[in-house]
Amino acid sequence: MRFNITLQNQEGGVLFPFNYNHIITSLIYNNLVDMGADLDFHDSKDFKFFTFSNIIFSKFEVTKDGFNSIDGIINFQVSSPDSKLLRKIINGFIKNNQIMINGKKFSMTNLVRVKDPEFSDKMEFKTMSPIIVNSYKEINGKMKNWDLSPTDENFFPFIERNLIKKYNQFFDENLTEESIKVSSEMKNVKKKRVSIKRDTSQQYYVGYMMDIILEGDSKVIKFAYDCGLSNKNSMGFGMIKPVRNTK
């Protein structure tokens, strides 16, 4: 399930930092708190089973400090395979119609449920937020965090394993990695360095905007559409939208 949300500040001229994911994440968790959701999972290392897209600015200019929303209108999508969780997030936006972002007051001016595509066993997607594949690599005898690129032979197998692991945990099933194949024609691949705000610190990652082909069980493909691909979905990474069926 997926919704498109439009927020507006009537004055305009609102500055968003280049790495704004923590702003949307905070809005979502605040909404869940207001709707009485159990947030034990916030600090859990388990999967959170929701994701959101990059912000789409109606009118903006790029400054040295970030994106200046000229008309104060922003759009983004929120998605989850857990309809109850997603409705709590959405109801929070409805209830809290006065939303503070960077000291500016926004109101929700539009809310639309996005119609699901027709899922098949082979589909082409493009990213709505960067895909991060964060793994480990041995460097000088020590295992260190390492962001894989789409040219790395482990990039797509990692996404496959991660997707099946999430699917099995959510549905309490036992599918194997053979249920899905992830690939890309490598069209319009764009590297993006991103940071995630953690309390008072920043964690840096490398993500990729790109085309993705999913082939296999259509139920797993739908789950990928709802939940997102690879790491950090609940921080706004790995959201995809369909381009076309390839069969």
Protein backbone atom coordinates (compact mmCIF):
# COMPACT_ATOMS: atom_id res chain seq x y z
CA MET A 1 0.00 0.00 0.00
CA ARG A 2 1.25 3.47 -0.88
CA PHE A 3 0.16 7.08 -0.40
CA ASN A 4 1.29 10.37 -1.94
CA ILE A 5 1.40 13.26 0.54
CA THR A 6 1.49 16.97 -0.29
CA LEU A 7 2.55 19.47 2.37
CA GLN A 8 2.55 23.24 1.97
CA ASN A 9 3.93 26.24 3.77
CA GLN A 10 1.94 29.30 2.72
CA GLU A 11 4.87 31.69 2.93
CA GLY A 12 7.31 29.71 0.77
CA GLY A 13 11.06 30.11 0.84
CA VAL A 14 11.68 27.07 3.06
CA LEU A 15 15.22 25.70 3.04
CA PHE A 16 15.73 21.93 3.18
CA PRO A 17 19.25 20.52 3.71
CA PHE A 18 20.62 18.27 0.98
CA ASN A 19 20.30 15.33 3.36
CA TYR A 20 16.76 15.79 4.63
CA ASN A 21 15.74 12.17 5.25
CA HIS A 22 15.83 12.58 9.02
CA ILE A 23 13.15 15.29 8.73
CA ILE A 24 10.63 12.94 7.08
CA THR A 25 11.63 10.08 9.38
CA SER A 26 10.93 12.28 12.41
CA LEU A 27 7.53 13.26 11.04
CA ILE A 28 6.61 9.61 10.53
CA TYR A 29 7.70 8.48 14.00
CA ASN A 30 6.00 11.47 15.64
CA ASN A 31 2.80 10.51 13.85
CA LEU A 32 3.10 6.94 15.08
CA VAL A 33 3.57 8.17 18.65
CA ASP A 34 0.51 10.41 18.36
CA MET A 35 -1.55 7.49 17.03
CA GLY A 36 -0.54 5.30 19.97
CA ALA A 37 1.67 2.90 18.03
CA ASP A 38 4.09 0.62 19.87
CA LEU A 39 7.48 2.07 18.98
CA ASP A 40 9.67 -0.60 20.54
CA PHE A 41 10.70 -1.43 16.98
CA HIS A 42 12.18 2.08 16.55
CA ASP A 43 15.31 1.09 18.47
CA SER A 44 15.16 -2.51 17.33
CA LYS A 45 17.53 -3.90 14.72
CA ASP A 46 14.63 -5.77 13.14
CA PHE A 47 13.20 -4.60 9.82
CA LYS A 48 10.72 -1.71 10.08
CA PHE A 49 8.72 -2.58 6.93
CA PHE A 50 8.08 0.87 5.53
CA THR A 51 9.88 3.31 3.28
CA PHE A 52 9.45 6.72 1.72
CA SER A 53 10.61 8.50 -1.40
CA ASN A 54 12.81 11.49 -2.06
CA ILE A 55 10.98 14.79 -1.74
CA ILE A 56 9.61 16.16 -4.99
CA PHE A 57 9.70 19.96 -4.82
CA SER A 58 7.06 21.87 -6.79
CA LYS A 59 9.35 24.86 -7.39
CA PHE A 60 12.84 25.05 -5.99
CA GLU A 61 16.35 26.36 -6.40
CA VAL A 62 19.60 24.75 -5.33
CA THR A 63 21.70 26.84 -2.96
CA LYS A 64 24.99 26.16 -1.24
CA ASP A 65 23.04 25.11 1.87
CA GLY A 66 20.38 22.89 0.31
CA PHE A 67 17.09 23.02 -1.59
CA ASN A 68 15.08 26.24 -1.31
CA SER A 69 11.39 25.42 -1.75
CA ILE A 70 10.23 28.60 -3.47
CA ASP A 71 6.48 28.00 -3.21
CA GLY A 72 6.63 25.91 -0.03
CA ILE A 73 5.02 22.86 -1.68
CA ILE A 74 6.59 19.42 -1.26
CA ASN A 75 5.44 15.94 -2.25
CA PHE A 76 6.63 12.52 -1.16
CA GLN A 77 5.33 8.97 -1.06
CA VAL A 78 5.12 6.58 1.91
CA SER A 79 4.74 2.85 1.43
CA SER A 80 4.44 -0.32 3.52
CA PRO A 81 3.28 -3.93 3.20
CA ASP A 82 1.74 -3.46 6.68
CA SER A 83 -1.56 -1.69 6.02
CA LYS A 84 -2.24 -1.10 9.73
CA LEU A 85 1.14 0.54 10.25
CA LEU A 86 0.75 2.66 7.14
CA ARG A 87 -2.74 3.83 8.12
CA LYS A 88 -1.40 4.93 11.51
CA ILE A 89 1.28 6.97 9.73
CA ILE A 90 -1.31 8.52 7.39
CA ASN A 91 -3.84 9.16 10.18
CA GLY A 92 -1.09 10.96 12.06
CA PHE A 93 -0.66 13.36 9.13
CA ILE A 94 -4.44 13.87 9.03
CA LYS A 95 -4.68 14.49 12.77
CA ASN A 96 -1.63 16.76 12.98
CA ASN A 97 -2.46 19.05 10.10
CA GLN A 98 -0.07 21.72 11.41
CA ILE A 99 3.39 20.27 10.90
CA MET A 100 6.61 22.00 11.84
CA ILE A 101 9.61 21.56 9.54
CA ASN A 102 12.76 23.59 10.21
CA GLY A 103 10.72 26.06 12.26
CA LYS A 104 8.19 26.56 9.45
CA LYS A 105 4.53 25.57 9.67
CA PHE A 106 3.24 23.19 7.01
CA SER A 107 -0.23 21.80 6.45
CA MET A 108 -1.24 18.73 4.46
CA THR A 109 -3.07 19.92 1.37
CA ASN A 110 -3.48 16.64 -0.48
CA LEU A 111 -3.47 12.93 0.27
CA VAL A 112 -3.89 10.32 -2.46
CA ARG A 113 -3.66 6.56 -2.28
CA VAL A 114 -1.43 5.39 -5.12
CA LYS A 115 -3.06 2.65 -7.15
CA ASP A 116 -1.06 -0.57 -7.17
CA PRO A 117 0.38 -1.57 -10.53
CA GLU A 118 -0.47 -4.92 -12.06
CA PHE A 119 2.27 -7.19 -10.80
CA SER A 120 3.80 -9.88 -13.00
CA ASP A 121 6.77 -12.23 -12.78
CA LYS A 122 9.13 -9.80 -14.51
CA MET A 123 8.99 -6.01 -14.11
CA GLU A 124 11.24 -3.01 -14.61
CA PHE A 125 11.42 -0.34 -11.93
CA LYS A 126 13.30 2.84 -11.25
CA THR A 127 14.31 4.18 -7.88
CA MET A 128 12.44 6.94 -6.07
CA SER A 129 15.19 7.12 -3.46
CA PRO A 130 18.78 5.81 -3.52
CA ILE A 131 19.51 2.13 -3.03
CA ILE A 132 22.16 1.56 -0.37
CA VAL A 133 23.94 -1.79 -0.24
CA ASN A 134 25.95 -1.67 2.96
CA SER A 135 28.03 -4.74 3.69
CA TYR A 136 31.42 -5.60 5.16
CA LYS A 137 34.83 -5.81 3.53
CA GLU A 138 38.17 -6.95 4.89
CA ILE A 139 40.66 -4.07 4.82
CA ASN A 140 44.13 -4.56 6.29
CA GLY A 141 42.92 -7.63 8.14
CA LYS A 142 39.89 -5.90 9.68
CA MET A 143 36.23 -6.11 8.70
CA LYS A 144 34.84 -2.66 7.94
CA ASN A 145 31.51 -1.26 6.72
CA TRP A 146 31.59 -0.95 2.95
CA ASP A 147 29.06 0.44 0.46
CA LEU A 148 28.86 -1.72 -2.65
CA SER A 149 28.37 -0.28 -6.13
CA PRO A 150 26.19 -1.84 -8.87
CA THR A 151 29.37 -2.99 -10.62
CA ASP A 152 30.33 -5.13 -7.62
CA GLU A 153 29.50 -8.80 -8.13
CA ASN A 154 27.90 -8.95 -4.67
CA PHE A 155 25.58 -5.94 -5.17
CA PHE A 156 22.54 -7.69 -6.64
CA PRO A 157 22.92 -10.97 -4.68
CA PHE A 158 22.92 -8.88 -1.48
CA ILE A 159 19.65 -7.20 -2.51
CA GLU A 160 18.14 -10.62 -3.27
CA ARG A 161 19.14 -12.08 0.11
CA ASN A 162 17.96 -8.99 1.97
CA LEU A 163 14.59 -8.98 0.17
CA ILE A 164 13.89 -12.66 0.83
CA LYS A 165 14.94 -12.29 4.47
CA LYS A 166 12.50 -9.41 4.93
CA TYR A 167 9.74 -11.25 3.07
CA ASN A 168 10.14 -14.39 5.18
CA GLN A 169 10.19 -12.42 8.42
CA PHE A 170 7.09 -10.43 7.50
CA PHE A 171 5.01 -13.35 6.24
CA ASP A 172 6.58 -16.06 8.41
CA GLU A 173 7.47 -18.08 5.33
CA ASN A 174 10.61 -19.85 4.16
CA LEU A 175 11.23 -18.81 0.56
CA THR A 176 14.71 -19.18 -0.90
CA GLU A 177 16.76 -16.67 -2.85
CA GLU A 178 15.82 -18.53 -6.03
CA SER A 179 12.38 -16.92 -5.67
CA ILE A 180 13.70 -13.59 -6.99
CA LYS A 181 16.37 -12.32 -9.36
CA VAL A 182 17.48 -8.68 -9.22
CA SER A 183 19.37 -7.10 -12.10
CA SER A 184 19.78 -3.85 -14.01
CA GLU A 185 20.42 -2.64 -17.52
CA MET A 186 22.54 0.08 -15.85
CA LYS A 187 20.65 2.93 -17.49
CA ASN A 188 21.04 6.36 -15.90
CA VAL A 189 22.88 5.11 -12.84
CA LYS A 190 23.62 8.06 -10.57
CA LYS A 191 25.88 7.83 -7.55
CA LYS A 192 24.75 9.81 -4.52
CA ARG A 193 26.62 10.35 -1.27
CA VAL A 194 24.14 10.57 1.57
CA SER A 195 24.29 11.09 5.31
CA ILE A 196 21.92 9.83 7.96
CA LYS A 197 21.57 11.83 11.14
CA ARG A 198 21.88 9.70 14.26
CA ASP A 199 21.33 11.75 17.42
CA THR A 200 24.34 14.12 17.36
CA SER A 201 26.39 12.24 14.77
CA GLN A 202 26.27 11.72 11.00
CA GLN A 203 26.71 8.39 9.24
CA TYR A 204 27.77 8.56 5.60
CA TYR A 205 26.79 6.15 2.84
CA VAL A 206 26.92 5.88 -0.94
CA GLY A 207 23.62 5.11 -2.67
CA TYR A 208 22.49 4.81 -6.27
CA MET A 209 19.55 6.08 -8.28
CA MET A 210 19.07 3.54 -11.08
CA ASP A 211 16.88 1.16 -13.04
CA ILE A 212 16.08 -2.23 -11.50
CA ILE A 213 14.63 -5.41 -13.01
CA LEU A 214 12.85 -7.85 -10.69
CA GLU A 215 12.09 -11.33 -11.96
CA GLY A 216 10.46 -14.18 -10.05
CA ASP A 217 7.54 -14.66 -7.67
CA SER A 218 5.10 -11.77 -8.23
CA LYS A 219 4.24 -11.75 -4.50
CA VAL A 220 7.89 -11.03 -3.69
CA ILE A 221 7.97 -8.32 -6.37
CA LYS A 222 4.90 -6.68 -4.81
CA PHE A 223 6.57 -6.86 -1.40
CA ALA A 224 9.67 -5.13 -2.80
CA TYR A 225 7.41 -2.38 -4.18
CA ASP A 226 5.71 -1.94 -0.80
CA CYS A 227 8.74 -2.27 1.47
CA GLY A 228 11.73 -1.08 -0.55
CA LEU A 229 15.00 -2.71 -1.59
CA SER A 230 18.16 -3.33 0.42
CA ASN A 231 19.27 -1.36 3.51
CA LYS A 232 17.84 1.60 5.44
CA ASN A 233 14.29 1.48 4.00
CA SER A 234 12.75 3.18 7.05
CA MET A 235 15.28 6.00 6.66
CA GLY A 236 13.97 6.71 3.15
CA PHE A 237 16.10 4.50 0.92
CA GLY A 238 15.34 1.83 -1.67
CA MET A 239 11.87 2.96 -2.77
CA ILE A 240 11.00 1.92 -6.34
CA LYS A 241 8.24 2.53 -8.86
CA PRO A 242 7.36 0.50 -11.95
CA VAL A 243 8.37 1.53 -15.42
CA ARG A 244 6.73 -1.34 -17.29
CA ASN A 245 6.16 -5.07 -17.32
CA THR A 246 8.87 -6.75 -19.35
CA LYS A 247 6.76 -9.77 -20.28
